[in-house]
Structure formats: structure tokens, C-alpha cells
Amino acid sequence: MMFRRSIERALAFLKEWRAKRDAERHGIPYEDDMHLEKGDRRAMLISAFLVLIPAVILVLGIMVLVVWLFFFR
């Protein structure tokens, strides 16, 4: 077979991914789980808001500008 190593590596990755998914579905903790510290979740939420809120405001501003240009000018 021409790409035997690539196929074997892809199948091994798929097998590991499926094992992780099945373990998570059945409530068994997987050994590669990321452990969060006390304030990590709050920090991620704050950073997400700091990134997403300006982008949403920009998109809404562009939409309002387009509506204003078409209908109220």
C-alpha cells in the first residue's frame, strides 16, 4: 500500500479519539482532561466578552449604517 504509515497513524488517532469520546459519554474521566484552577472559568468568560462584544457592536453598527443609508437618506 502506498500510504500505509499515514493510514495507520490516522486509524490510531481515530481509535484514541473514539475511546476518549466514549469515556466522556459514560462519565469516566479521560486521562488527558484539562484541569481548571479556581478563577480560570471566570477569566475565560471575561476574555470572551472582551473579544466578542466589540465585534458584535461593530457588526450591528454596520447594519444600522446600511439601513440608514438605504431608507433614511
PDB file of N, CA and C in Angstrom:
ATOM      1  N   MET A   1       0.837  -1.165   0.000  1.00  0.00           N
ATOM      2  CA  MET A   1       0.000   0.000   0.000  1.00  0.00           C
ATOM      3  C   MET A   1       0.890   1.239   0.000  1.00  0.00           C
ATOM      4  N   MET A   2       0.448   2.268  -0.660  1.00  0.00           N
ATOM      5  CA  MET A   2       1.301   3.418  -0.887  1.00  0.00           C
ATOM      6  C   MET A   2       1.477   4.296   0.356  1.00  0.00           C
ATOM      7  N   PHE A   3       0.419   4.552   1.092  1.00  0.00           N
ATOM      8  CA  PHE A   3       0.484   5.432   2.251  1.00  0.00           C
ATOM      9  C   PHE A   3       0.169   4.662   3.529  1.00  0.00           C
ATOM     10  N   ARG A   4       0.796   3.543   3.724  1.00  0.00           N
ATOM     11  CA  ARG A   4       0.486   2.649   4.840  1.00  0.00           C
ATOM     12  C   ARG A   4       0.695   3.336   6.189  1.00  0.00           C
ATOM     13  N   ARG A   5       1.833   4.013   6.384  1.00  0.00           N
ATOM     14  CA  ARG A   5       2.096   4.659   7.672  1.00  0.00           C
ATOM     15  C   ARG A   5       1.101   5.770   7.965  1.00  0.00           C
ATOM     16  N   SER A   6       0.741   6.537   6.971  1.00  0.00           N
ATOM     17  CA  SER A   6      -0.228   7.617   7.174  1.00  0.00           C
ATOM     18  C   SER A   6      -1.592   7.064   7.557  1.00  0.00           C
ATOM     19  N   ILE A   7      -1.992   6.011   6.901  1.00  0.00           N
ATOM     20  CA  ILE A   7      -3.289   5.406   7.197  1.00  0.00           C
ATOM     21  C   ILE A   7      -3.277   4.800   8.598  1.00  0.00           C
ATOM     22  N   GLU A   8      -2.200   4.121   8.967  1.00  0.00           N
ATOM     23  CA  GLU A   8      -2.111   3.534  10.306  1.00  0.00           C
ATOM     24  C   GLU A   8      -2.127   4.619  11.380  1.00  0.00           C
ATOM     25  N   ARG A   9      -1.432   5.715  11.120  1.00  0.00           N
ATOM     26  CA  ARG A   9      -1.412   6.815  12.086  1.00  0.00           C
ATOM     27  C   ARG A   9      -2.800   7.448  12.211  1.00  0.00           C
ATOM     28  N   ALA A  10      -3.500   7.613  11.105  1.00  0.00           N
ATOM     29  CA  ALA A  10      -4.846   8.173  11.135  1.00  0.00           C
ATOM     30  C   ALA A  10      -5.804   7.235  11.865  1.00  0.00           C
ATOM     31  N   LEU A  11      -5.695   5.938  11.636  1.00  0.00           N
ATOM     32  CA  LEU A  11      -6.562   4.986  12.320  1.00  0.00           C
ATOM     33  C   LEU A  11      -6.268   4.936  13.816  1.00  0.00           C
ATOM     34  N   ALA A  12      -4.996   5.057  14.196  1.00  0.00           N
ATOM     35  CA  ALA A  12      -4.646   5.081  15.624  1.00  0.00           C
ATOM     36  C   ALA A  12      -5.216   6.335  16.287  1.00  0.00           C
ATOM     37  N   PHE A  13      -5.126   7.475  15.609  1.00  0.00           N
ATOM     38  CA  PHE A  13      -5.701   8.704  16.147  1.00  0.00           C
ATOM     39  C   PHE A  13      -7.207   8.579  16.298  1.00  0.00           C
ATOM     40  N   LEU A  14      -7.868   8.014  15.290  1.00  0.00           N
ATOM     41  CA  LEU A  14      -9.312   7.833  15.341  1.00  0.00           C
ATOM     42  C   LEU A  14      -9.713   6.908  16.479  1.00  0.00           C
ATOM     43  N   LYS A  15      -8.946   5.847  16.695  1.00  0.00           N
ATOM     44  CA  LYS A  15      -9.235   4.914  17.772  1.00  0.00           C
ATOM     45  C   LYS A  15      -9.102   5.604  19.131  1.00  0.00           C
ATOM     46  N   GLU A  16      -8.064   6.418  19.307  1.00  0.00           N
ATOM     47  CA  GLU A  16      -7.878   7.139  20.561  1.00  0.00           C
ATOM     48  C   GLU A  16      -8.987   8.177  20.760  1.00  0.00           C
ATOM     49  N   TRP A  17      -9.364   8.875  19.695  1.00  0.00           N
ATOM     50  CA  TRP A  17     -10.422   9.887  19.784  1.00  0.00           C
ATOM     51  C   TRP A  17     -11.751   9.246  20.167  1.00  0.00           C
ATOM     52  N   ARG A  18     -12.054   8.094  19.565  1.00  0.00           N
ATOM     53  CA  ARG A  18     -13.298   7.403  19.896  1.00  0.00           C
ATOM     54  C   ARG A  18     -13.303   6.915  21.335  1.00  0.00           C
ATOM     55  N   ALA A  19     -12.150   6.424  21.824  1.00  0.00           N
ATOM     56  CA  ALA A  19     -12.066   5.971  23.209  1.00  0.00           C
ATOM     57  C   ALA A  19     -12.301   7.134  24.163  1.00  0.00           C
ATOM     58  N   LYS A  20     -11.739   8.285  23.841  1.00  0.00           N
ATOM     59  CA  LYS A  20     -11.928   9.470  24.681  1.00  0.00           C
ATOM     60  C   LYS A  20     -13.388   9.898  24.669  1.00  0.00           C
ATOM     61  N   ARG A  21     -14.010   9.924  23.493  1.00  0.00           N
ATOM     62  CA  ARG A  21     -15.409  10.324  23.375  1.00  0.00           C
ATOM     63  C   ARG A  21     -16.321   9.374  24.142  1.00  0.00           C
ATOM     64  N   ASP A  22     -16.084   8.081  24.006  1.00  0.00           N
ATOM     65  CA  ASP A  22     -16.909   7.103  24.708  1.00  0.00           C
ATOM     66  C   ASP A  22     -16.730   7.202  26.216  1.00  0.00           C
ATOM     67  N   ALA A  23     -15.506   7.453  26.662  1.00  0.00           N
ATOM     68  CA  ALA A  23     -15.257   7.597  28.094  1.00  0.00           C
ATOM     69  C   ALA A  23     -15.980   8.818  28.635  1.00  0.00           C
ATOM     70  N   GLU A  24     -15.994   9.901  27.878  1.00  0.00           N
ATOM     71  CA  GLU A  24     -16.685  11.113  28.324  1.00  0.00           C
ATOM     72  C   GLU A  24     -18.198  10.899  28.354  1.00  0.00           C
ATOM     73  N   ARG A  25     -18.731  10.134  27.444  1.00  0.00           N
ATOM     74  CA  ARG A  25     -20.171   9.880  27.406  1.00  0.00           C
ATOM     75  C   ARG A  25     -20.630   9.058  28.607  1.00  0.00           C
ATOM     76  N   HIS A  26     -19.765   8.167  29.065  1.00  0.00           N
ATOM     77  CA  HIS A  26     -20.140   7.290  30.163  1.00  0.00           C
ATOM     78  C   HIS A  26     -19.702   7.832  31.521  1.00  0.00           C
ATOM     79  N   GLY A  27     -19.202   9.055  31.554  1.00  0.00           N
ATOM     80  CA  GLY A  27     -18.840   9.680  32.809  1.00  0.00           C
ATOM     81  C   GLY A  27     -17.512   9.245  33.376  1.00  0.00           C
ATOM     82  N   ILE A  28     -16.727   8.538  32.608  1.00  0.00           N
ATOM     83  CA  ILE A  28     -15.412   8.108  33.065  1.00  0.00           C
ATOM     84  C   ILE A  28     -14.414   9.193  32.698  1.00  0.00           C
ATOM     85  N   PRO A  29     -13.680   9.734  33.664  1.00  0.00           N
ATOM     86  CA  PRO A  29     -12.724  10.787  33.315  1.00  0.00           C
ATOM     87  C   PRO A  29     -11.601  10.242  32.439  1.00  0.00           C
ATOM     88  N   TYR A  30     -11.290  10.980  31.410  1.00  0.00           N
ATOM     89  CA  TYR A  30     -10.214  10.603  30.495  1.00  0.00           C
ATOM     90  C   TYR A  30      -8.913  11.174  31.026  1.00  0.00           C
ATOM     91  N   GLU A  31      -7.826  10.492  30.852  1.00  0.00           N
ATOM     92  CA  GLU A  31      -6.563  10.883  31.472  1.00  0.00           C
ATOM     93  C   GLU A  31      -5.987  12.195  30.928  1.00  0.00           C
ATOM     94  N   ASP A  32      -6.412  12.637  29.762  1.00  0.00           N
ATOM     95  CA  ASP A  32      -5.896  13.880  29.189  1.00  0.00           C
ATOM     96  C   ASP A  32      -6.812  15.067  29.446  1.00  0.00           C
ATOM     97  N   ASP A  33      -7.743  14.950  30.391  1.00  0.00           N
ATOM     98  CA  ASP A  33      -8.647  16.058  30.684  1.00  0.00           C
ATOM     99  C   ASP A  33      -7.875  17.260  31.206  1.00  0.00           C
ATOM    100  N   MET A  34      -8.326  18.433  30.824  1.00  0.00           N
ATOM    101  CA  MET A  34      -7.700  19.666  31.279  1.00  0.00           C
ATOM    102  C   MET A  34      -8.318  20.052  32.615  1.00  0.00           C
ATOM    103  N   HIS A  35      -7.485  20.307  33.595  1.00  0.00           N
ATOM    104  CA  HIS A  35      -7.966  20.685  34.918  1.00  0.00           C
ATOM    105  C   HIS A  35      -7.868  22.195  35.062  1.00  0.00           C
ATOM    106  N   LEU A  36      -8.983  22.813  35.402  1.00  0.00           N
ATOM    107  CA  LEU A  36      -9.028  24.263  35.548  1.00  0.00           C
ATOM    108  C   LEU A  36      -8.797  24.637  36.998  1.00  0.00           C
ATOM    109  N   GLU A  37      -8.138  25.770  37.180  1.00  0.00           N
ATOM    110  CA  GLU A  37      -7.948  26.284  38.531  1.00  0.00           C
ATOM    111  C   GLU A  37      -9.152  27.124  38.923  1.00  0.00           C
ATOM    112  N   LYS A  38      -9.082  27.732  40.100  1.00  0.00           N
ATOM    113  CA  LYS A  38     -10.241  28.386  40.685  1.00  0.00           C
ATOM    114  C   LYS A  38     -10.820  29.498  39.807  1.00  0.00           C
ATOM    115  N   GLY A  39     -10.022  30.414  39.301  1.00  0.00           N
ATOM    116  CA  GLY A  39     -10.540  31.555  38.566  1.00  0.00           C
ATOM    117  C   GLY A  39     -10.462  31.426  37.056  1.00  0.00           C
ATOM    118  N   ASP A  40     -10.140  30.250  36.551  1.00  0.00           N
ATOM    119  CA  ASP A  40      -9.944  30.092  35.112  1.00  0.00           C
ATOM    120  C   ASP A  40     -11.229  30.277  34.316  1.00  0.00           C
ATOM    121  N   ARG A  41     -12.317  29.736  34.793  1.00  0.00           N
ATOM    122  CA  ARG A  41     -13.578  29.825  34.053  1.00  0.00           C
ATOM    123  C   ARG A  41     -14.037  31.283  33.957  1.00  0.00           C
ATOM    124  N   ARG A  42     -13.934  32.007  35.059  1.00  0.00           N
ATOM    125  CA  ARG A  42     -14.319  33.418  35.053  1.00  0.00           C
ATOM    126  C   ARG A  42     -13.410  34.219  34.124  1.00  0.00           C
ATOM    127  N   ALA A  43     -12.118  33.922  34.135  1.00  0.00           N
ATOM    128  CA  ALA A  43     -11.187  34.624  33.260  1.00  0.00           C
ATOM    129  C   ALA A  43     -11.495  34.349  31.787  1.00  0.00           C
ATOM    130  N   MET A  44     -11.875  33.115  31.463  1.00  0.00           N
ATOM    131  CA  MET A  44     -12.224  32.795  30.079  1.00  0.00           C
ATOM    132  C   MET A  44     -13.494  33.515  29.653  1.00  0.00           C
ATOM    133  N   LEU A  45     -14.476  33.615  30.548  1.00  0.00           N
ATOM    134  CA  LEU A  45     -15.702  34.342  30.216  1.00  0.00           C
ATOM    135  C   LEU A  45     -15.437  35.830  30.005  1.00  0.00           C
ATOM    136  N   ILE A  46     -14.634  36.427  30.877  1.00  0.00           N
ATOM    137  CA  ILE A  46     -14.312  37.845  30.729  1.00  0.00           C
ATOM    138  C   ILE A  46     -13.571  38.100  29.428  1.00  0.00           C
ATOM    139  N   SER A  47     -12.608  37.257  29.107  1.00  0.00           N
ATOM    140  CA  SER A  47     -11.853  37.453  27.868  1.00  0.00           C
ATOM    141  C   SER A  47     -12.739  37.240  26.636  1.00  0.00           C
ATOM    142  N   ALA A  48     -13.675  36.283  26.713  1.00  0.00           N
ATOM    143  CA  ALA A  48     -14.587  36.073  25.588  1.00  0.00           C
ATOM    144  C   ALA A  48     -15.465  37.298  25.380  1.00  0.00           C
ATOM    145  N   PHE A  49     -15.973  37.876  26.476  1.00  0.00           N
ATOM    146  CA  PHE A  49     -16.790  39.084  26.353  1.00  0.00           C
ATOM    147  C   PHE A  49     -15.971  40.248  25.811  1.00  0.00           C
ATOM    148  N   LEU A  50     -14.728  40.364  26.236  1.00  0.00           N
ATOM    149  CA  LEU A  50     -13.890  41.458  25.750  1.00  0.00           C
ATOM    150  C   LEU A  50     -13.595  41.332  24.261  1.00  0.00           C
ATOM    151  N   VAL A  51     -13.601  40.127  23.758  1.00  0.00           N
ATOM    152  CA  VAL A  51     -13.350  39.920  22.330  1.00  0.00           C
ATOM    153  C   VAL A  51     -14.645  40.015  21.533  1.00  0.00           C
ATOM    154  N   LEU A  52     -15.714  39.420  22.027  1.00  0.00           N
ATOM    155  CA  LEU A  52     -16.946  39.317  21.237  1.00  0.00           C
ATOM    156  C   LEU A  52     -17.805  40.574  21.262  1.00  0.00           C
ATOM    157  N   ILE A  53     -17.883  41.265  22.382  1.00  0.00           N
ATOM    158  CA  ILE A  53     -18.750  42.440  22.475  1.00  0.00           C
ATOM    159  C   ILE A  53     -18.350  43.526  21.470  1.00  0.00           C
ATOM    160  N   PRO A  54     -17.064  43.900  21.351  1.00  0.00           N
ATOM    161  CA  PRO A  54     -16.730  44.905  20.331  1.00  0.00           C
ATOM    162  C   PRO A  54     -17.035  44.435  18.904  1.00  0.00           C
ATOM    163  N   ALA A  55     -16.841  43.157  18.631  1.00  0.00           N
ATOM    164  CA  ALA A  55     -17.144  42.644  17.295  1.00  0.00           C
ATOM    165  C   ALA A  55     -18.644  42.712  17.016  1.00  0.00           C
ATOM    166  N   VAL A  56     -19.467  42.367  17.995  1.00  0.00           N
ATOM    167  CA  VAL A  56     -20.918  42.427  17.823  1.00  0.00           C
ATOM    168  C   VAL A  56     -21.368  43.877  17.650  1.00  0.00           C
ATOM    169  N   ILE A  57     -20.800  44.775  18.434  1.00  0.00           N
ATOM    170  CA  ILE A  57     -21.151  46.197  18.299  1.00  0.00           C
ATOM    171  C   ILE A  57     -20.767  46.710  16.920  1.00  0.00           C
ATOM    172  N   LEU A  58     -19.620  46.305  16.411  1.00  0.00           N
ATOM    173  CA  LEU A  58     -19.186  46.722  15.082  1.00  0.00           C
ATOM    174  C   LEU A  58     -20.139  46.211  14.000  1.00  0.00           C
ATOM    175  N   VAL A  59     -20.505  44.951  14.070  1.00  0.00           N
ATOM    176  CA  VAL A  59     -21.419  44.379  13.071  1.00  0.00           C
ATOM    177  C   VAL A  59     -22.783  45.063  13.144  1.00  0.00           C
ATOM    178  N   LEU A  60     -23.296  45.275  14.345  1.00  0.00           N
ATOM    179  CA  LEU A  60     -24.580  45.961  14.477  1.00  0.00           C
ATOM    180  C   LEU A  60     -24.498  47.400  13.967  1.00  0.00           C
ATOM    181  N   GLY A  61     -23.391  48.064  14.221  1.00  0.00           N
ATOM    182  CA  GLY A  61     -23.204  49.419  13.715  1.00  0.00           C
ATOM    183  C   GLY A  61     -23.199  49.467  12.200  1.00  0.00           C
ATOM    184  N   ILE A  62     -22.547  48.518  11.574  1.00  0.00           N
ATOM    185  CA  ILE A  62     -22.531  48.457  10.111  1.00  0.00           C
ATOM    186  C   ILE A  62     -23.940  48.202   9.578  1.00  0.00           C
ATOM    187  N   MET A  63     -24.685  47.319  10.243  1.00  0.00           N
ATOM    188  CA  MET A  63     -26.051  47.039   9.804  1.00  0.00           C
ATOM    189  C   MET A  63     -26.938  48.277   9.939  1.00  0.00           C
ATOM    190  N   VAL A  64     -26.804  49.005  11.029  1.00  0.00           N
ATOM    191  CA  VAL A  64     -27.596  50.227  11.227  1.00  0.00           C
ATOM    192  C   VAL A  64     -27.204  51.270  10.182  1.00  0.00           C
ATOM    193  N   LEU A  65     -25.930  51.392   9.879  1.00  0.00           N
ATOM    194  CA  LEU A  65     -25.468  52.335   8.871  1.00  0.00           C
ATOM    195  C   LEU A  65     -26.048  52.005   7.499  1.00  0.00           C
ATOM    196  N   VAL A  66     -26.063  50.747   7.142  1.00  0.00           N
ATOM    197  CA  VAL A  66     -26.616  50.327   5.851  1.00  0.00           C
ATOM    198  C   VAL A  66     -28.112  50.623   5.797  1.00  0.00           C
ATOM    199  N   VAL A  67     -28.828  50.315   6.866  1.00  0.00           N
ATOM    200  CA  VAL A  67     -30.265  50.606   6.902  1.00  0.00           C
ATOM    201  C   VAL A  67     -30.490  52.109   6.793  1.00  0.00           C
ATOM    202  N   TRP A  68     -29.723  52.888   7.501  1.00  0.00           N
ATOM    203  CA  TRP A  68     -29.866  54.352   7.457  1.00  0.00           C
ATOM    204  C   TRP A  68     -29.590  54.874   6.056  1.00  0.00           C
ATOM    205  N   LEU A  69     -28.543  54.352   5.386  1.00  0.00           N
ATOM    206  CA  LEU A  69     -28.202  54.812   4.031  1.00  0.00           C
ATOM    207  C   LEU A  69     -29.297  54.471   3.034  1.00  0.00           C
ATOM    208  N   PHE A  70     -29.938  53.314   3.165  1.00  0.00           N
ATOM    209  CA  PHE A  70     -30.944  52.915   2.195  1.00  0.00           C
ATOM    210  C   PHE A  70     -32.305  53.556   2.436  1.00  0.00           C
ATOM    211  N   PHE A  71     -32.699  53.722   3.685  1.00  0.00           N
ATOM    212  CA  PHE A  71     -34.079  54.124   3.960  1.00  0.00           C
ATOM    213  C   PHE A  71     -34.240  55.562   4.438  1.00  0.00           C
ATOM    214  N   PHE A  72     -33.278  56.112   5.112  1.00  0.00           N
ATOM    215  CA  PHE A  72     -33.470  57.405   5.739  1.00  0.00           C
ATOM    216  C   PHE A  72     -32.646  58.535   5.124  1.00  0.00           C
ATOM    217  N   ARG A  73     -32.021  58.292   4.061  1.00  0.00           N
ATOM    218  CA  ARG A  73     -31.206  59.317   3.440  1.00  0.00           C
ATOM    219  C   ARG A  73     -31.899  59.907   2.273  1.00  0.00           C
TER     220      ARG A  73
END
